[in-house]
Amino acid sequence: MDLFEKQLSSEYFYRGKIINMRRDLALLPDGSEAYREVVEHPGGVCVAALTDEREVLFVRQFRYPYFEEVLEIPAGKRDPGEDPLSCGARELREETGAVAKRYMDLGRMYPTPGYTNEVIYMYAATGLTFGEQQLDCDEFLSVRRVPLAEAVEMVMSGALPDAKTQAAILKLNYLCEKGVI
């Protein structure tokens, strides 16, 4: 069965600095029509940075939509047309002060495919050297190092609810166990 849905029309009802929101009319596989609400997002990158001591770099920051502090790996929004790896290296340096000698592609993820087109590119980073953070003027966060085994336990216990962090930590751990990293 063909599951493709064809966009018949599209109407934007919000255009913002980070996201746009639209409502599309779609033709469904059975010939009927339905509305689809879409949040357009330029996408992002996250970096699971591993120190020589097998510690993962985390950042703790207040996440306004949840009204709570969230512990997550360094991440950020891509600028239009920006190379994902360059974005990841920039975000790692800005948020933690770390610069990596080596990066490994951990793939991409669709964090919420039911309503947004956001794509998050994931990387592992090793061979770290450290300098000063270069935070944006509206960015407030603290850096924490967590042993990889403890980070995996935190994922499994639900202590790290951030999806990109969960996926990247589990992939990083798998690659470490296989001797790839």
N, C-alpha and C. Protein backbone atom coordinates (compact mmCIF):
# COMPACT_ATOMS: atom_id res chain seq x y z
N MET A 1 0.83 -1.19 0.00
CA MET A 1 0.00 0.00 0.00
C MET A 1 0.87 1.25 0.00
N ASP A 2 0.58 2.19 -0.86
CA ASP A 2 1.29 3.46 -0.91
C ASP A 2 0.79 4.33 0.24
N LEU A 3 1.69 4.78 1.09
CA LEU A 3 1.33 5.58 2.26
C LEU A 3 1.56 7.07 2.07
N PHE A 4 1.98 7.49 0.87
CA PHE A 4 2.32 8.87 0.61
C PHE A 4 1.10 9.78 0.73
N GLU A 5 1.29 10.94 1.35
CA GLU A 5 0.26 11.97 1.43
C GLU A 5 0.71 13.16 0.61
N LYS A 6 -0.15 13.66 -0.25
CA LYS A 6 0.18 14.77 -1.14
C LYS A 6 -0.31 16.08 -0.55
N GLN A 7 0.59 17.08 -0.52
CA GLN A 7 0.23 18.41 -0.03
C GLN A 7 -0.63 19.10 -1.09
N LEU A 8 -1.85 19.50 -0.71
CA LEU A 8 -2.75 20.19 -1.63
C LEU A 8 -2.67 21.70 -1.47
N SER A 9 -2.54 22.15 -0.23
CA SER A 9 -2.41 23.58 0.03
C SER A 9 -1.67 23.77 1.34
N SER A 10 -1.21 24.99 1.54
CA SER A 10 -0.45 25.30 2.74
C SER A 10 -0.72 26.73 3.16
N GLU A 11 -0.95 26.95 4.46
CA GLU A 11 -1.22 28.28 4.98
C GLU A 11 -0.38 28.50 6.23
N TYR A 12 0.47 29.53 6.19
CA TYR A 12 1.28 29.88 7.36
C TYR A 12 0.45 30.75 8.30
N PHE A 13 0.50 30.42 9.59
CA PHE A 13 -0.17 31.26 10.56
C PHE A 13 0.78 31.83 11.59
N TYR A 14 2.08 31.48 11.50
CA TYR A 14 3.09 32.10 12.35
C TYR A 14 4.45 31.95 11.69
N ARG A 15 5.22 33.04 11.67
CA ARG A 15 6.60 33.01 11.21
C ARG A 15 7.44 33.68 12.30
N GLY A 16 8.35 32.91 12.87
CA GLY A 16 9.14 33.43 13.97
C GLY A 16 10.63 33.40 13.71
N LYS A 17 11.39 33.72 14.74
CA LYS A 17 12.85 33.75 14.65
C LYS A 17 13.42 32.34 14.53
N ILE A 18 12.81 31.38 15.20
CA ILE A 18 13.31 30.00 15.20
C ILE A 18 12.38 29.05 14.45
N ILE A 19 11.09 29.23 14.62
CA ILE A 19 10.13 28.30 13.99
C ILE A 19 9.11 29.05 13.15
N ASN A 20 8.54 28.31 12.20
CA ASN A 20 7.36 28.74 11.46
C ASN A 20 6.30 27.67 11.68
N MET A 21 5.04 28.09 11.66
CA MET A 21 3.95 27.13 11.81
C MET A 21 2.98 27.29 10.65
N ARG A 22 2.57 26.14 10.13
CA ARG A 22 1.65 26.16 9.00
C ARG A 22 0.61 25.05 9.14
N ARG A 23 -0.48 25.21 8.39
CA ARG A 23 -1.49 24.16 8.31
C ARG A 23 -1.65 23.80 6.84
N ASP A 24 -1.44 22.51 6.55
CA ASP A 24 -1.55 22.01 5.18
C ASP A 24 -2.83 21.20 5.03
N LEU A 25 -3.36 21.21 3.84
CA LEU A 25 -4.42 20.27 3.47
C LEU A 25 -3.73 19.18 2.66
N ALA A 26 -3.93 17.93 3.08
CA ALA A 26 -3.24 16.81 2.44
C ALA A 26 -4.24 15.81 1.87
N LEU A 27 -3.86 15.26 0.72
CA LEU A 27 -4.63 14.17 0.11
C LEU A 27 -4.07 12.87 0.66
N LEU A 28 -4.93 12.07 1.30
CA LEU A 28 -4.51 10.83 1.94
C LEU A 28 -4.49 9.68 0.94
N PRO A 29 -3.83 8.57 1.28
CA PRO A 29 -3.74 7.43 0.36
C PRO A 29 -5.09 6.87 -0.10
N ASP A 30 -6.13 7.01 0.72
CA ASP A 30 -7.44 6.48 0.34
C ASP A 30 -8.28 7.48 -0.44
N GLY A 31 -7.72 8.65 -0.76
CA GLY A 31 -8.43 9.66 -1.53
C GLY A 31 -9.12 10.72 -0.69
N SER A 32 -9.20 10.53 0.61
CA SER A 32 -9.81 11.55 1.47
C SER A 32 -8.79 12.65 1.77
N GLU A 33 -9.25 13.72 2.40
CA GLU A 33 -8.39 14.84 2.72
C GLU A 33 -8.35 15.06 4.23
N ALA A 34 -7.23 15.59 4.71
CA ALA A 34 -7.08 15.89 6.13
C ALA A 34 -6.12 17.06 6.29
N TYR A 35 -6.31 17.77 7.38
CA TYR A 35 -5.39 18.86 7.71
C TYR A 35 -4.20 18.31 8.48
N ARG A 36 -3.02 18.87 8.21
CA ARG A 36 -1.79 18.51 8.92
C ARG A 36 -1.15 19.81 9.41
N GLU A 37 -0.90 19.89 10.71
CA GLU A 37 -0.23 21.05 11.28
C GLU A 37 1.26 20.74 11.37
N VAL A 38 2.07 21.69 10.92
CA VAL A 38 3.51 21.47 10.83
C VAL A 38 4.26 22.63 11.48
N VAL A 39 5.23 22.29 12.32
CA VAL A 39 6.16 23.26 12.86
C VAL A 39 7.46 23.10 12.07
N GLU A 40 7.84 24.14 11.34
CA GLU A 40 9.09 24.12 10.58
C GLU A 40 10.23 24.59 11.49
N HIS A 41 11.30 23.83 11.50
CA HIS A 41 12.46 24.14 12.34
C HIS A 41 13.71 23.92 11.50
N PRO A 42 14.73 24.78 11.63
CA PRO A 42 15.92 24.63 10.79
C PRO A 42 16.79 23.42 11.14
N GLY A 43 16.50 22.76 12.25
CA GLY A 43 17.26 21.58 12.64
C GLY A 43 18.38 21.94 13.59
N GLY A 44 19.00 20.91 14.12
CA GLY A 44 20.05 21.13 15.09
C GLY A 44 21.08 20.03 15.09
N VAL A 45 22.01 20.17 16.01
CA VAL A 45 23.12 19.23 16.15
C VAL A 45 23.35 19.02 17.63
N CYS A 46 23.74 17.79 18.00
CA CYS A 46 24.16 17.52 19.37
C CYS A 46 25.48 16.75 19.32
N VAL A 47 26.26 16.90 20.40
CA VAL A 47 27.58 16.28 20.44
C VAL A 47 27.76 15.55 21.77
N ALA A 48 27.99 14.25 21.68
CA ALA A 48 28.34 13.44 22.85
C ALA A 48 29.86 13.45 22.94
N ALA A 49 30.38 14.38 23.75
CA ALA A 49 31.82 14.57 23.87
C ALA A 49 32.36 13.72 25.00
N LEU A 50 33.36 12.90 24.68
CA LEU A 50 33.93 11.94 25.64
C LEU A 50 35.36 12.33 25.97
N THR A 51 35.63 12.53 27.26
CA THR A 51 36.98 12.87 27.69
C THR A 51 37.86 11.62 27.68
N ASP A 52 39.16 11.81 27.86
CA ASP A 52 40.09 10.69 27.94
C ASP A 52 39.81 9.82 29.16
N GLU A 53 39.12 10.37 30.16
CA GLU A 53 38.76 9.62 31.37
C GLU A 53 37.41 8.93 31.24
N ARG A 54 36.87 8.89 30.02
CA ARG A 54 35.57 8.26 29.70
C ARG A 54 34.41 8.96 30.41
N GLU A 55 34.51 10.29 30.49
CA GLU A 55 33.43 11.10 31.02
C GLU A 55 32.76 11.82 29.85
N VAL A 56 31.44 11.97 29.94
CA VAL A 56 30.67 12.67 28.92
C VAL A 56 30.43 14.09 29.41
N LEU A 57 30.60 15.06 28.52
CA LEU A 57 30.31 16.45 28.86
C LEU A 57 28.81 16.71 28.73
N PHE A 58 28.25 17.25 29.80
CA PHE A 58 26.84 17.64 29.82
C PHE A 58 26.73 19.12 30.12
N VAL A 59 25.62 19.70 29.73
CA VAL A 59 25.29 21.06 30.13
C VAL A 59 23.93 21.03 30.82
N ARG A 60 23.81 21.83 31.86
CA ARG A 60 22.53 21.98 32.56
C ARG A 60 22.05 23.39 32.27
N GLN A 61 20.81 23.45 31.76
CA GLN A 61 20.24 24.76 31.47
C GLN A 61 18.74 24.74 31.67
N PHE A 62 18.19 25.91 31.89
CA PHE A 62 16.75 26.03 32.06
C PHE A 62 16.10 25.93 30.69
N ARG A 63 15.13 25.04 30.57
CA ARG A 63 14.39 24.87 29.32
C ARG A 63 12.98 25.41 29.54
N TYR A 64 12.73 26.56 28.97
CA TYR A 64 11.51 27.30 29.22
C TYR A 64 10.22 26.50 28.96
N PRO A 65 10.10 25.76 27.84
CA PRO A 65 8.84 25.05 27.62
C PRO A 65 8.46 24.08 28.74
N TYR A 66 9.45 23.55 29.46
CA TYR A 66 9.18 22.59 30.54
C TYR A 66 9.25 23.25 31.92
N PHE A 67 9.69 24.50 31.98
CA PHE A 67 9.88 25.23 33.24
C PHE A 67 10.72 24.43 34.22
N GLU A 68 11.83 23.89 33.70
CA GLU A 68 12.75 23.15 34.56
C GLU A 68 14.15 23.17 33.97
N GLU A 69 15.12 22.90 34.83
CA GLU A 69 16.49 22.73 34.37
C GLU A 69 16.62 21.33 33.79
N VAL A 70 17.30 21.24 32.66
CA VAL A 70 17.46 19.95 31.98
C VAL A 70 18.95 19.70 31.80
N LEU A 71 19.36 18.47 32.11
CA LEU A 71 20.74 18.03 31.87
C LEU A 71 20.75 17.35 30.51
N GLU A 72 21.61 17.85 29.60
CA GLU A 72 21.66 17.32 28.24
C GLU A 72 23.07 17.49 27.69
N ILE A 73 23.33 16.85 26.57
CA ILE A 73 24.63 17.02 25.93
C ILE A 73 24.60 18.35 25.16
N PRO A 74 25.78 18.91 24.87
CA PRO A 74 25.83 20.17 24.13
C PRO A 74 25.11 20.05 22.78
N ALA A 75 24.36 21.09 22.46
CA ALA A 75 23.55 21.06 21.24
C ALA A 75 23.20 22.48 20.83
N GLY A 76 22.74 22.60 19.61
CA GLY A 76 22.30 23.91 19.16
C GLY A 76 21.62 23.86 17.81
N LYS A 77 21.02 24.99 17.47
CA LYS A 77 20.28 25.15 16.22
C LYS A 77 21.25 25.44 15.09
N ARG A 78 20.99 24.81 13.95
CA ARG A 78 21.78 25.08 12.75
C ARG A 78 21.32 26.38 12.11
N ASP A 79 22.29 27.13 11.62
CA ASP A 79 21.97 28.30 10.80
C ASP A 79 21.58 27.78 9.41
N PRO A 80 20.77 28.53 8.66
CA PRO A 80 20.38 28.07 7.33
C PRO A 80 21.60 27.73 6.47
N GLY A 81 21.63 26.51 5.94
CA GLY A 81 22.71 26.06 5.07
C GLY A 81 23.98 25.66 5.79
N GLU A 82 24.01 25.76 7.11
CA GLU A 82 25.23 25.44 7.87
C GLU A 82 25.50 23.94 7.87
N ASP A 83 26.74 23.58 7.67
CA ASP A 83 27.17 22.19 7.72
C ASP A 83 26.95 21.64 9.13
N PRO A 84 26.28 20.48 9.28
CA PRO A 84 26.00 19.95 10.62
C PRO A 84 27.25 19.75 11.49
N LEU A 85 28.32 19.22 10.92
CA LEU A 85 29.52 18.99 11.71
C LEU A 85 30.13 20.31 12.20
N SER A 86 30.18 21.30 11.33
CA SER A 86 30.69 22.61 11.73
C SER A 86 29.84 23.21 12.84
N CYS A 87 28.54 23.04 12.74
CA CYS A 87 27.63 23.52 13.77
C CYS A 87 27.90 22.80 15.09
N GLY A 88 28.08 21.49 15.05
CA GLY A 88 28.35 20.72 16.26
C GLY A 88 29.64 21.15 16.93
N ALA A 89 30.69 21.36 16.13
CA ALA A 89 31.98 21.81 16.67
C ALA A 89 31.84 23.19 17.30
N ARG A 90 31.09 24.06 16.66
CA ARG A 90 30.87 25.40 17.18
C ARG A 90 30.12 25.35 18.50
N GLU A 91 29.05 24.57 18.55
CA GLU A 91 28.24 24.48 19.78
C GLU A 91 29.03 23.86 20.93
N LEU A 92 29.83 22.83 20.63
CA LEU A 92 30.64 22.21 21.68
C LEU A 92 31.61 23.23 22.27
N ARG A 93 32.28 23.98 21.42
CA ARG A 93 33.24 24.99 21.87
C ARG A 93 32.54 26.10 22.66
N GLU A 94 31.42 26.61 22.11
CA GLU A 94 30.72 27.71 22.78
C GLU A 94 30.18 27.30 24.15
N GLU A 95 29.55 26.13 24.22
CA GLU A 95 28.88 25.73 25.45
C GLU A 95 29.80 25.16 26.51
N THR A 96 30.87 24.48 26.10
CA THR A 96 31.73 23.80 27.09
C THR A 96 33.17 24.28 27.07
N GLY A 97 33.58 24.99 26.04
CA GLY A 97 34.97 25.38 25.89
C GLY A 97 35.83 24.28 25.29
N ALA A 98 35.24 23.14 24.97
CA ALA A 98 36.00 21.99 24.45
C ALA A 98 36.15 22.06 22.93
N VAL A 99 37.31 21.61 22.48
CA VAL A 99 37.58 21.44 21.05
C VAL A 99 38.01 19.99 20.88
N ALA A 100 37.43 19.31 19.88
CA ALA A 100 37.71 17.89 19.66
C ALA A 100 38.65 17.69 18.48
N LYS A 101 39.53 16.70 18.60
CA LYS A 101 40.40 16.32 17.48
C LYS A 101 39.66 15.42 16.50
N ARG A 102 38.72 14.61 17.04
CA ARG A 102 38.03 13.63 16.20
C ARG A 102 36.51 13.70 16.44
N TYR A 103 35.78 13.57 15.35
CA TYR A 103 34.32 13.48 15.40
C TYR A 103 33.89 12.22 14.69
N MET A 104 32.83 11.62 15.19
CA MET A 104 32.25 10.45 14.54
C MET A 104 30.75 10.72 14.36
N ASP A 105 30.27 10.49 13.17
CA ASP A 105 28.86 10.68 12.87
C ASP A 105 28.04 9.59 13.56
N LEU A 106 27.07 10.01 14.37
CA LEU A 106 26.18 9.06 15.05
C LEU A 106 24.81 8.99 14.38
N GLY A 107 24.67 9.64 13.23
CA GLY A 107 23.41 9.59 12.50
C GLY A 107 22.54 10.79 12.79
N ARG A 108 21.33 10.71 12.32
CA ARG A 108 20.37 11.79 12.53
C ARG A 108 19.11 11.22 13.15
N MET A 109 18.35 12.09 13.78
CA MET A 109 17.11 11.65 14.39
C MET A 109 16.00 12.66 14.11
N TYR A 110 14.78 12.17 14.06
CA TYR A 110 13.59 13.00 13.95
C TYR A 110 12.97 13.02 15.35
N PRO A 111 13.14 14.10 16.12
CA PRO A 111 12.71 14.08 17.51
C PRO A 111 11.20 13.96 17.70
N THR A 112 10.41 14.58 16.86
CA THR A 112 8.95 14.50 16.98
C THR A 112 8.32 14.55 15.59
N PRO A 113 8.35 13.44 14.84
CA PRO A 113 7.92 13.44 13.45
C PRO A 113 6.42 13.64 13.24
N GLY A 114 5.65 13.66 14.30
CA GLY A 114 4.22 13.86 14.15
C GLY A 114 3.82 15.28 13.81
N TYR A 115 4.69 16.25 14.12
CA TYR A 115 4.29 17.63 13.85
C TYR A 115 5.42 18.58 13.46
N THR A 116 6.67 18.11 13.44
CA THR A 116 7.75 19.02 13.04
C THR A 116 8.70 18.35 12.05
N ASN A 117 9.33 19.17 11.22
CA ASN A 117 10.29 18.65 10.25
C ASN A 117 11.72 18.75 10.77
N GLU A 118 11.89 19.01 12.07
CA GLU A 118 13.22 19.15 12.66
C GLU A 118 14.04 17.86 12.50
N VAL A 119 15.30 18.02 12.14
CA VAL A 119 16.26 16.93 12.07
C VAL A 119 17.41 17.30 12.98
N ILE A 120 17.82 16.37 13.85
CA ILE A 120 18.96 16.59 14.72
C ILE A 120 20.07 15.64 14.28
N TYR A 121 21.22 16.22 13.97
CA TYR A 121 22.40 15.45 13.60
C TYR A 121 23.20 15.19 14.87
N MET A 122 23.63 13.95 15.06
CA MET A 122 24.32 13.56 16.28
C MET A 122 25.76 13.17 15.97
N TYR A 123 26.67 13.60 16.85
CA TYR A 123 28.09 13.29 16.70
C TYR A 123 28.68 12.86 18.04
N ALA A 124 29.71 12.02 17.96
CA ALA A 124 30.57 11.75 19.11
C ALA A 124 31.84 12.56 18.88
N ALA A 125 32.44 13.02 19.97
CA ALA A 125 33.67 13.81 19.87
C ALA A 125 34.67 13.27 20.88
N THR A 126 35.92 13.11 20.44
CA THR A 126 36.99 12.63 21.32
C THR A 126 38.25 13.46 21.07
N GLY A 127 39.28 13.21 21.89
CA GLY A 127 40.51 13.98 21.77
C GLY A 127 40.29 15.42 22.17
N LEU A 128 39.65 15.62 23.31
CA LEU A 128 39.24 16.96 23.73
C LEU A 128 40.36 17.77 24.36
N THR A 129 40.39 19.03 24.02
CA THR A 129 41.20 20.02 24.75
C THR A 129 40.22 21.09 25.20
N PHE A 130 40.59 21.81 26.28
CA PHE A 130 39.63 22.72 26.88
C PHE A 130 40.13 24.15 26.92
N GLY A 131 39.22 25.06 26.65
CA GLY A 131 39.46 26.50 26.75
C GLY A 131 38.27 27.12 27.47
N GLU A 132 37.98 28.35 27.13
CA GLU A 132 36.89 29.09 27.77
C GLU A 132 35.57 28.90 27.00
N GLN A 133 34.47 28.90 27.75
CA GLN A 133 33.14 28.90 27.13
C GLN A 133 32.97 30.21 26.35
N GLN A 134 32.13 30.16 25.33
CA GLN A 134 31.79 31.35 24.54
C GLN A 134 30.28 31.42 24.39
N LEU A 135 29.59 31.58 25.50
CA LEU A 135 28.13 31.53 25.52
C LEU A 135 27.52 32.73 24.79
N ASP A 136 26.35 32.48 24.17
CA ASP A 136 25.57 33.56 23.59
C ASP A 136 25.09 34.47 24.72
N CYS A 137 24.72 35.70 24.39
CA CYS A 137 24.32 36.66 25.42
C CYS A 137 23.07 36.23 26.19
N ASP A 138 22.23 35.40 25.59
CA ASP A 138 21.02 34.94 26.28
C ASP A 138 21.12 33.48 26.73
N GLU A 139 22.32 32.97 26.84
CA GLU A 139 22.56 31.56 27.18
C GLU A 139 23.21 31.47 28.56
N PHE A 140 22.58 30.71 29.44
CA PHE A 140 23.06 30.51 30.79
C PHE A 140 23.07 29.02 31.07
N LEU A 141 24.25 28.45 31.29
CA LEU A 141 24.33 27.02 31.54
C LEU A 141 25.57 26.68 32.33
N SER A 142 25.56 25.50 32.91
CA SER A 142 26.73 25.00 33.62
C SER A 142 27.15 23.68 32.99
N VAL A 143 28.44 23.39 33.05
CA VAL A 143 29.00 22.17 32.46
C VAL A 143 29.22 21.15 33.56
N ARG A 144 28.92 19.91 33.24
CA ARG A 144 29.12 18.81 34.18
C ARG A 144 29.72 17.63 33.42
N ARG A 145 30.65 16.93 34.06
CA ARG A 145 31.23 15.71 33.50
C ARG A 145 30.61 14.52 34.23
N VAL A 146 30.16 13.53 33.44
CA VAL A 146 29.53 12.34 34.01
C VAL A 146 30.20 11.11 33.39
N PRO A 147 30.66 10.16 34.22
CA PRO A 147 31.21 8.93 33.65
C PRO A 147 30.21 8.28 32.69
N LEU A 148 30.71 7.74 31.57
CA LEU A 148 29.82 7.17 30.56
C LEU A 148 28.89 6.12 31.14
N ALA A 149 29.40 5.22 31.97
CA ALA A 149 28.54 4.18 32.56
C ALA A 149 27.42 4.79 33.39
N GLU A 150 27.72 5.85 34.11
CA GLU A 150 26.69 6.54 34.90
C GLU A 150 25.67 7.23 33.99
N ALA A 151 26.15 7.81 32.89
CA ALA A 151 25.25 8.46 31.94
C ALA A 151 24.27 7.45 31.35
N VAL A 152 24.75 6.24 31.05
CA VAL A 152 23.86 5.19 30.53
C VAL A 152 22.81 4.84 31.59
N GLU A 153 23.25 4.70 32.83
CA GLU A 153 22.30 4.41 33.93
C GLU A 153 21.26 5.52 34.06
N MET A 154 21.69 6.76 33.89
CA MET A 154 20.77 7.90 33.96
C MET A 154 19.74 7.84 32.83
N VAL A 155 20.17 7.44 31.64
CA VAL A 155 19.23 7.26 30.53
C VAL A 155 18.22 6.18 30.89
N MET A 156 18.71 5.04 31.35
CA MET A 156 17.83 3.90 31.62
C MET A 156 16.89 4.14 32.79
N SER A 157 17.29 4.98 33.75
CA SER A 157 16.44 5.25 34.91
C SER A 157 15.44 6.38 34.66
N GLY A 158 15.57 7.07 33.54
CA GLY A 158 14.68 8.18 33.24
C GLY A 158 15.17 9.52 33.76
N ALA A 159 16.39 9.58 34.27
CA ALA A 159 16.93 10.83 34.81
C ALA A 159 17.34 11.81 33.71
N LEU A 160 17.44 11.34 32.47
CA LEU A 160 17.78 12.20 31.33
C LEU A 160 16.63 12.13 30.32
N PRO A 161 15.61 12.96 30.48
CA PRO A 161 14.44 12.86 29.60
C PRO A 161 14.63 13.39 28.19
N ASP A 162 15.74 14.10 27.92
CA ASP A 162 15.97 14.68 26.61
C ASP A 162 16.26 13.58 25.57
N ALA A 163 15.48 13.55 24.50
CA ALA A 163 15.56 12.48 23.51
C ALA A 163 16.91 12.42 22.79
N LYS A 164 17.43 13.56 22.36
CA LYS A 164 18.71 13.56 21.64
C LYS A 164 19.84 13.08 22.53
N THR A 165 19.78 13.44 23.80
CA THR A 165 20.79 13.00 24.75
C THR A 165 20.71 11.50 24.95
N GLN A 166 19.52 10.97 25.11
CA GLN A 166 19.35 9.52 25.28
C GLN A 166 19.92 8.77 24.09
N ALA A 167 19.53 9.17 22.89
CA ALA A 167 19.96 8.45 21.69
C ALA A 167 21.48 8.52 21.53
N ALA A 168 22.05 9.70 21.68
CA ALA A 168 23.49 9.86 21.48
C ALA A 168 24.30 9.12 22.53
N ILE A 169 23.86 9.15 23.79
CA ILE A 169 24.58 8.45 24.86
C ILE A 169 24.57 6.95 24.62
N LEU A 170 23.41 6.40 24.25
CA LEU A 170 23.34 4.95 24.02
C LEU A 170 24.16 4.54 22.80
N LYS A 171 24.18 5.36 21.77
CA LYS A 171 25.02 5.06 20.60
C LYS A 171 26.50 5.16 20.96
N LEU A 172 26.87 6.19 21.71
CA LEU A 172 28.25 6.35 22.14
C LEU A 172 28.70 5.15 22.97
N ASN A 173 27.87 4.73 23.90
CA ASN A 173 28.20 3.58 24.74
C ASN A 173 28.37 2.32 23.89
N TYR A 174 27.48 2.11 22.95
CA TYR A 174 27.56 0.94 22.07
C TYR A 174 28.90 0.93 21.32
N LEU A 175 29.28 2.08 20.76
CA LEU A 175 30.52 2.17 20.00
C LEU A 175 31.74 1.97 20.91
N CYS A 176 31.66 2.44 22.14
CA CYS A 176 32.75 2.21 23.10
C CYS A 176 32.86 0.72 23.45
N GLU A 177 31.72 0.08 23.68
CA GLU A 177 31.73 -1.35 23.99
C GLU A 177 32.26 -2.18 22.84
N LYS A 178 32.02 -1.76 21.60
CA LYS A 178 32.52 -2.47 20.42
C LYS A 178 33.97 -2.15 20.10
N GLY A 179 34.55 -1.20 20.84
CA GLY A 179 35.94 -0.81 20.61
C GLY A 179 36.15 0.14 19.46
N VAL A 180 35.07 0.72 18.93
CA VAL A 180 35.18 1.65 17.82
C VAL A 180 35.71 3.00 18.31
N ILE A 181 35.33 3.35 19.52
CA ILE A 181 35.78 4.61 20.14
C ILE A 181 36.61 4.26 21.35
